[in-house]
Structures are given as structure tokens and as C-alpha cells.
Amino acid sequence: MDGTKRKDVAPGAEVDIVLKKDQRSGALTRGVVKDLLTNSPSHPHGIKVRLEDGQVGRVKHIH
């Protein structure tokens, strides 16, 4: 499942995100969602989240 809809992403979910510094390469970082940072119901590039380890990025895959 992709991470473009806010209703699909919840705190505690395991996700793959793209960090700001990795946007060119598309490298994915896996982690557990702590906070949702996007307020709109959807975003074409993925919902922005903060992981439990503090990293911030846009969700590409939900596990």
C-alpha cells in the first residue's frame, strides 16, 4: 500500500519513507510512525511523518 492517503497511515505502523536528503536517490528508510505531520487527507508525494527515532520523511510503502 502506498502512503498517499492520511487515513491509511497511523502511529505505530511500520513504513518505508524517503528522507529529504534521499529524494534524488529514492533511498528508503524503514521505521515506525510516531507522528503524522501532513494535515490534508492526501498528498501526491506521500504523507509526511516523524518516525520514533526522530527522522522525518514522506511515506512510500506501508507494511
PDB file of N, CA and C in Angstrom:
ATOM      1  N   MET A   1       0.850  -1.174   0.000  1.00  0.00           N
ATOM      2  CA  MET A   1       0.000   0.000   0.000  1.00  0.00           C
ATOM      3  C   MET A   1       0.899   1.242   0.000  1.00  0.00           C
ATOM      4  N   ASP A   2       0.577   2.205  -0.832  1.00  0.00           N
ATOM      5  CA  ASP A   2       1.371   3.435  -0.857  1.00  0.00           C
ATOM      6  C   ASP A   2       0.905   4.366   0.254  1.00  0.00           C
ATOM      7  N   GLY A   3       1.664   5.413   0.504  1.00  0.00           N
ATOM      8  CA  GLY A   3       1.377   6.281   1.639  1.00  0.00           C
ATOM      9  C   GLY A   3       0.828   7.635   1.259  1.00  0.00           C
ATOM     10  N   THR A   4      -0.042   7.685   0.224  1.00  0.00           N
ATOM     11  CA  THR A   4      -0.550   8.984  -0.224  1.00  0.00           C
ATOM     12  C   THR A   4      -1.834   9.411   0.477  1.00  0.00           C
ATOM     13  N   LYS A   5      -2.494   8.498   1.204  1.00  0.00           N
ATOM     14  CA  LYS A   5      -3.738   8.829   1.905  1.00  0.00           C
ATOM     15  C   LYS A   5      -3.507   8.804   3.409  1.00  0.00           C
ATOM     16  N   ARG A   6      -3.897   9.905   4.069  1.00  0.00           N
ATOM     17  CA  ARG A   6      -3.655  10.054   5.511  1.00  0.00           C
ATOM     18  C   ARG A   6      -4.370   8.982   6.323  1.00  0.00           C
ATOM     19  N   LYS A   7      -5.558   8.553   5.871  1.00  0.00           N
ATOM     20  CA  LYS A   7      -6.330   7.561   6.637  1.00  0.00           C
ATOM     21  C   LYS A   7      -5.635   6.196   6.688  1.00  0.00           C
ATOM     22  N   ASP A   8      -4.706   5.942   5.746  1.00  0.00           N
ATOM     23  CA  ASP A   8      -4.002   4.659   5.709  1.00  0.00           C
ATOM     24  C   ASP A   8      -2.788   4.624   6.641  1.00  0.00           C
ATOM     25  N   VAL A   9      -2.324   5.795   7.076  1.00  0.00           N
ATOM     26  CA  VAL A   9      -1.113   5.887   7.897  1.00  0.00           C
ATOM     27  C   VAL A   9      -1.514   6.198   9.330  1.00  0.00           C
ATOM     28  N   ALA A  10      -1.028   5.394  10.280  1.00  0.00           N
ATOM     29  CA  ALA A  10      -1.383   5.599  11.688  1.00  0.00           C
ATOM     30  C   ALA A  10      -0.136   5.457  12.556  1.00  0.00           C
ATOM     31  N   PRO A  11      -0.107   6.148  13.697  1.00  0.00           N
ATOM     32  CA  PRO A  11       1.013   5.958  14.624  1.00  0.00           C
ATOM     33  C   PRO A  11       1.145   4.487  15.000  1.00  0.00           C
ATOM     34  N   GLY A  12       2.372   3.992  15.023  1.00  0.00           N
ATOM     35  CA  GLY A  12       2.627   2.589  15.328  1.00  0.00           C
ATOM     36  C   GLY A  12       2.774   1.724  14.091  1.00  0.00           C
ATOM     37  N   ALA A  13       2.435   2.266  12.911  1.00  0.00           N
ATOM     38  CA  ALA A  13       2.552   1.493  11.672  1.00  0.00           C
ATOM     39  C   ALA A  13       4.007   1.433  11.218  1.00  0.00           C
ATOM     40  N   GLU A  14       4.414   0.287  10.669  1.00  0.00           N
ATOM     41  CA  GLU A  14       5.758   0.166  10.100  1.00  0.00           C
ATOM     42  C   GLU A  14       5.699   0.624   8.645  1.00  0.00           C
ATOM     43  N   VAL A  15       6.574   1.561   8.295  1.00  0.00           N
ATOM     44  CA  VAL A  15       6.544   2.167   6.964  1.00  0.00           C
ATOM     45  C   VAL A  15       7.958   2.318   6.402  1.00  0.00           C
ATOM     46  N   ASP A  16       8.023   2.507   5.077  1.00  0.00           N
ATOM     47  CA  ASP A  16       9.247   2.926   4.412  1.00  0.00           C
ATOM     48  C   ASP A  16       9.050   4.375   4.003  1.00  0.00           C
ATOM     49  N   ILE A  17      10.014   5.241   4.345  1.00  0.00           N
ATOM     50  CA  ILE A  17       9.918   6.655   3.996  1.00  0.00           C
ATOM     51  C   ILE A  17      11.131   7.073   3.168  1.00  0.00           C
ATOM     52  N   VAL A  18      10.971   8.184   2.452  1.00  0.00           N
ATOM     53  CA  VAL A  18      12.096   8.827   1.783  1.00  0.00           C
ATOM     54  C   VAL A  18      12.416  10.093   2.561  1.00  0.00           C
ATOM     55  N   LEU A  19      13.647  10.168   3.061  1.00  0.00           N
ATOM     56  CA  LEU A  19      14.101  11.358   3.769  1.00  0.00           C
ATOM     57  C   LEU A  19      14.366  12.467   2.769  1.00  0.00           C
ATOM     58  N   LYS A  20      14.337  13.721   3.227  1.00  0.00           N
ATOM     59  CA  LYS A  20      14.588  14.877   2.359  1.00  0.00           C
ATOM     60  C   LYS A  20      15.926  14.726   1.622  1.00  0.00           C
ATOM     61  N   LYS A  21      16.963  14.294   2.335  1.00  0.00           N
ATOM     62  CA  LYS A  21      18.290  14.168   1.728  1.00  0.00           C
ATOM     63  C   LYS A  21      18.358  13.031   0.707  1.00  0.00           C
ATOM     64  N   ASP A  22      17.398  12.101   0.751  1.00  0.00           N
ATOM     65  CA  ASP A  22      17.403  10.952  -0.160  1.00  0.00           C
ATOM     66  C   ASP A  22      16.414  11.084  -1.313  1.00  0.00           C
ATOM     67  N   GLN A  23      15.791  12.271  -1.470  1.00  0.00           N
ATOM     68  CA  GLN A  23      14.767  12.405  -2.505  1.00  0.00           C
ATOM     69  C   GLN A  23      15.314  12.159  -3.905  1.00  0.00           C
ATOM     70  N   ARG A  24      16.539  12.598  -4.181  1.00  0.00           N
ATOM     71  CA  ARG A  24      17.124  12.379  -5.520  1.00  0.00           C
ATOM     72  C   ARG A  24      17.379  10.905  -5.789  1.00  0.00           C
ATOM     73  N   SER A  25      17.948  10.195  -4.798  1.00  0.00           N
ATOM     74  CA  SER A  25      18.291   8.782  -4.988  1.00  0.00           C
ATOM     75  C   SER A  25      17.092   7.865  -4.784  1.00  0.00           C
ATOM     76  N   GLY A  26      16.105   8.316  -3.985  1.00  0.00           N
ATOM     77  CA  GLY A  26      14.941   7.480  -3.710  1.00  0.00           C
ATOM     78  C   GLY A  26      15.201   6.411  -2.669  1.00  0.00           C
ATOM     79  N   ALA A  27      16.328   6.520  -1.942  1.00  0.00           N
ATOM     80  CA  ALA A  27      16.659   5.531  -0.908  1.00  0.00           C
ATOM     81  C   ALA A  27      15.589   5.526   0.177  1.00  0.00           C
ATOM     82  N   LEU A  28      15.168   4.332   0.586  1.00  0.00           N
ATOM     83  CA  LEU A  28      14.106   4.190   1.578  1.00  0.00           C
ATOM     84  C   LEU A  28      14.678   3.921   2.962  1.00  0.00           C
ATOM     85  N   THR A  29      13.988   4.424   3.968  1.00  0.00           N
ATOM     86  CA  THR A  29      14.333   4.208   5.371  1.00  0.00           C
ATOM     87  C   THR A  29      13.117   3.590   6.041  1.00  0.00           C
ATOM     88  N   ARG A  30      13.321   2.466   6.741  1.00  0.00           N
ATOM     89  CA  ARG A  30      12.192   1.794   7.402  1.00  0.00           C
ATOM     90  C   ARG A  30      12.129   2.215   8.866  1.00  0.00           C
ATOM     91  N   GLY A  31      10.910   2.372   9.359  1.00  0.00           N
ATOM     92  CA  GLY A  31      10.736   2.725  10.757  1.00  0.00           C
ATOM     93  C   GLY A  31       9.282   2.659  11.169  1.00  0.00           C
ATOM     94  N   VAL A  32       9.024   3.053  12.410  1.00  0.00           N
ATOM     95  CA  VAL A  32       7.679   3.025  12.981  1.00  0.00           C
ATOM     96  C   VAL A  32       7.202   4.460  13.164  1.00  0.00           C
ATOM     97  N   VAL A  33       5.984   4.741  12.698  1.00  0.00           N
ATOM     98  CA  VAL A  33       5.428   6.099  12.733  1.00  0.00           C
ATOM     99  C   VAL A  33       5.175   6.537  14.170  1.00  0.00           C
ATOM    100  N   LYS A  34       5.656   7.745  14.498  1.00  0.00           N
ATOM    101  CA  LYS A  34       5.356   8.367  15.796  1.00  0.00           C
ATOM    102  C   LYS A  34       4.288   9.439  15.623  1.00  0.00           C
ATOM    103  N   ASP A  35       4.494  10.365  14.648  1.00  0.00           N
ATOM    104  CA  ASP A  35       3.562  11.475  14.429  1.00  0.00           C
ATOM    105  C   ASP A  35       3.272  11.638  12.953  1.00  0.00           C
ATOM    106  N   LEU A  36       2.036  12.055  12.628  1.00  0.00           N
ATOM    107  CA  LEU A  36       1.679  12.450  11.267  1.00  0.00           C
ATOM    108  C   LEU A  36       1.870  13.958  11.158  1.00  0.00           C
ATOM    109  N   LEU A  37       2.598  14.412  10.151  1.00  0.00           N
ATOM    110  CA  LEU A  37       2.890  15.838  10.005  1.00  0.00           C
ATOM    111  C   LEU A  37       2.089  16.497   8.886  1.00  0.00           C
ATOM    112  N   THR A  38       1.484  15.699   8.009  1.00  0.00           N
ATOM    113  CA  THR A  38       0.634  16.238   6.947  1.00  0.00           C
ATOM    114  C   THR A  38      -0.799  16.293   7.449  1.00  0.00           C
ATOM    115  N   ASN A  39      -1.435  17.466   7.328  1.00  0.00           N
ATOM    116  CA  ASN A  39      -2.811  17.614   7.817  1.00  0.00           C
ATOM    117  C   ASN A  39      -3.863  17.323   6.756  1.00  0.00           C
ATOM    118  N   SER A  40      -3.513  17.465   5.477  1.00  0.00           N
ATOM    119  CA  SER A  40      -4.502  17.248   4.421  1.00  0.00           C
ATOM    120  C   SER A  40      -4.809  15.752   4.280  1.00  0.00           C
ATOM    121  N   PRO A  41      -5.972  15.410   3.734  1.00  0.00           N
ATOM    122  CA  PRO A  41      -6.376  13.989   3.623  1.00  0.00           C
ATOM    123  C   PRO A  41      -5.476  13.160   2.717  1.00  0.00           C
ATOM    124  N   SER A  42      -4.800  13.812   1.760  1.00  0.00           N
ATOM    125  CA  SER A  42      -3.888  13.072   0.881  1.00  0.00           C
ATOM    126  C   SER A  42      -2.788  14.008   0.394  1.00  0.00           C
ATOM    127  N   HIS A  43      -1.704  13.399  -0.109  1.00  0.00           N
ATOM    128  CA  HIS A  43      -0.605  14.169  -0.688  1.00  0.00           C
ATOM    129  C   HIS A  43       0.013  13.310  -1.777  1.00  0.00           C
ATOM    130  N   PRO A  44       0.219  13.870  -2.983  1.00  0.00           N
ATOM    131  CA  PRO A  44       0.700  13.060  -4.107  1.00  0.00           C
ATOM    132  C   PRO A  44       2.089  12.448  -3.904  1.00  0.00           C
ATOM    133  N   HIS A  45       2.919  13.057  -3.060  1.00  0.00           N
ATOM    134  CA  HIS A  45       4.275  12.527  -2.833  1.00  0.00           C
ATOM    135  C   HIS A  45       4.371  11.682  -1.573  1.00  0.00           C
ATOM    136  N   GLY A  46       3.260  11.505  -0.865  1.00  0.00           N
ATOM    137  CA  GLY A  46       3.256  10.710   0.358  1.00  0.00           C
ATOM    138  C   GLY A  46       3.023  11.577   1.582  1.00  0.00           C
ATOM    139  N   ILE A  47       2.404  10.991   2.587  1.00  0.00           N
ATOM    140  CA  ILE A  47       2.126  11.691   3.839  1.00  0.00           C
ATOM    141  C   ILE A  47       3.441  11.871   4.598  1.00  0.00           C
ATOM    142  N   LYS A  48       3.693  13.086   5.090  1.00  0.00           N
ATOM    143  CA  LYS A  48       4.919  13.341   5.852  1.00  0.00           C
ATOM    144  C   LYS A  48       4.720  12.877   7.287  1.00  0.00           C
ATOM    145  N   VAL A  49       5.694  12.100   7.787  1.00  0.00           N
ATOM    146  CA  VAL A  49       5.624  11.549   9.141  1.00  0.00           C
ATOM    147  C   VAL A  49       6.952  11.730   9.866  1.00  0.00           C
ATOM    148  N   ARG A  50       6.874  11.647  11.198  1.00  0.00           N
ATOM    149  CA  ARG A  50       8.076  11.563  12.035  1.00  0.00           C
ATOM    150  C   ARG A  50       8.129  10.146  12.574  1.00  0.00           C
ATOM    151  N   LEU A  51       9.275   9.495  12.425  1.00  0.00           N
ATOM    152  CA  LEU A  51       9.443   8.148  12.954  1.00  0.00           C
ATOM    153  C   LEU A  51       9.797   8.216  14.433  1.00  0.00           C
ATOM    154  N   GLU A  52       9.726   7.060  15.112  1.00  0.00           N
ATOM    155  CA  GLU A  52      10.033   7.010  16.539  1.00  0.00           C
ATOM    156  C   GLU A  52      11.475   7.406  16.830  1.00  0.00           C
ATOM    157  N   ASP A  53      12.378   7.241  15.845  1.00  0.00           N
ATOM    158  CA  ASP A  53      13.782   7.637  16.051  1.00  0.00           C
ATOM    159  C   ASP A  53      14.030   9.104  15.692  1.00  0.00           C
ATOM    160  N   GLY A  54      12.954   9.848  15.326  1.00  0.00           N
ATOM    161  CA  GLY A  54      13.073  11.277  15.078  1.00  0.00           C
ATOM    162  C   GLY A  54      13.248  11.678  13.627  1.00  0.00           C
ATOM    163  N   GLN A  55      13.472  10.720  12.727  1.00  0.00           N
ATOM    164  CA  GLN A  55      13.649  11.046  11.310  1.00  0.00           C
ATOM    165  C   GLN A  55      12.309  11.454  10.694  1.00  0.00           C
ATOM    166  N   VAL A  56      12.361  12.397   9.735  1.00  0.00           N
ATOM    167  CA  VAL A  56      11.155  12.912   9.089  1.00  0.00           C
ATOM    168  C   VAL A  56      11.251  12.660   7.597  1.00  0.00           C
ATOM    169  N   GLY A  57      10.159  12.154   7.005  1.00  0.00           N
ATOM    170  CA  GLY A  57      10.137  11.912   5.567  1.00  0.00           C
ATOM    171  C   GLY A  57       8.729  11.595   5.104  1.00  0.00           C
ATOM    172  N   ARG A  58       8.624  11.333   3.794  1.00  0.00           N
ATOM    173  CA  ARG A  58       7.326  11.018   3.205  1.00  0.00           C
ATOM    174  C   ARG A  58       7.173   9.510   2.999  1.00  0.00           C
ATOM    175  N   VAL A  59       5.990   9.009   3.362  1.00  0.00           N
ATOM    176  CA  VAL A  59       5.719   7.571   3.309  1.00  0.00           C
ATOM    177  C   VAL A  59       5.617   7.106   1.861  1.00  0.00           C
ATOM    178  N   LYS A  60       6.352   6.035   1.542  1.00  0.00           N
ATOM    179  CA  LYS A  60       6.281   5.417   0.215  1.00  0.00           C
ATOM    180  C   LYS A  60       5.591   4.060   0.256  1.00  0.00           C
ATOM    181  N   HIS A  61       5.772   3.315   1.348  1.00  0.00           N
ATOM    182  CA  HIS A  61       5.148   1.985   1.490  1.00  0.00           C
ATOM    183  C   HIS A  61       4.719   1.789   2.934  1.00  0.00           C
ATOM    184  N   ILE A  62       3.555   1.139   3.107  1.00  0.00           N
ATOM    185  CA  ILE A  62       3.073   0.772   4.436  1.00  0.00           C
ATOM    186  C   ILE A  62       3.108  -0.745   4.536  1.00  0.00           C
ATOM    187  N   HIS A  63       3.677  -1.271   5.624  1.00  0.00           N
ATOM    188  CA  HIS A  63       3.797  -2.731   5.781  1.00  0.00           C
ATOM    189  C   HIS A  63       2.716  -3.297   6.676  1.00  0.00           C
TER     190      HIS A  63
END
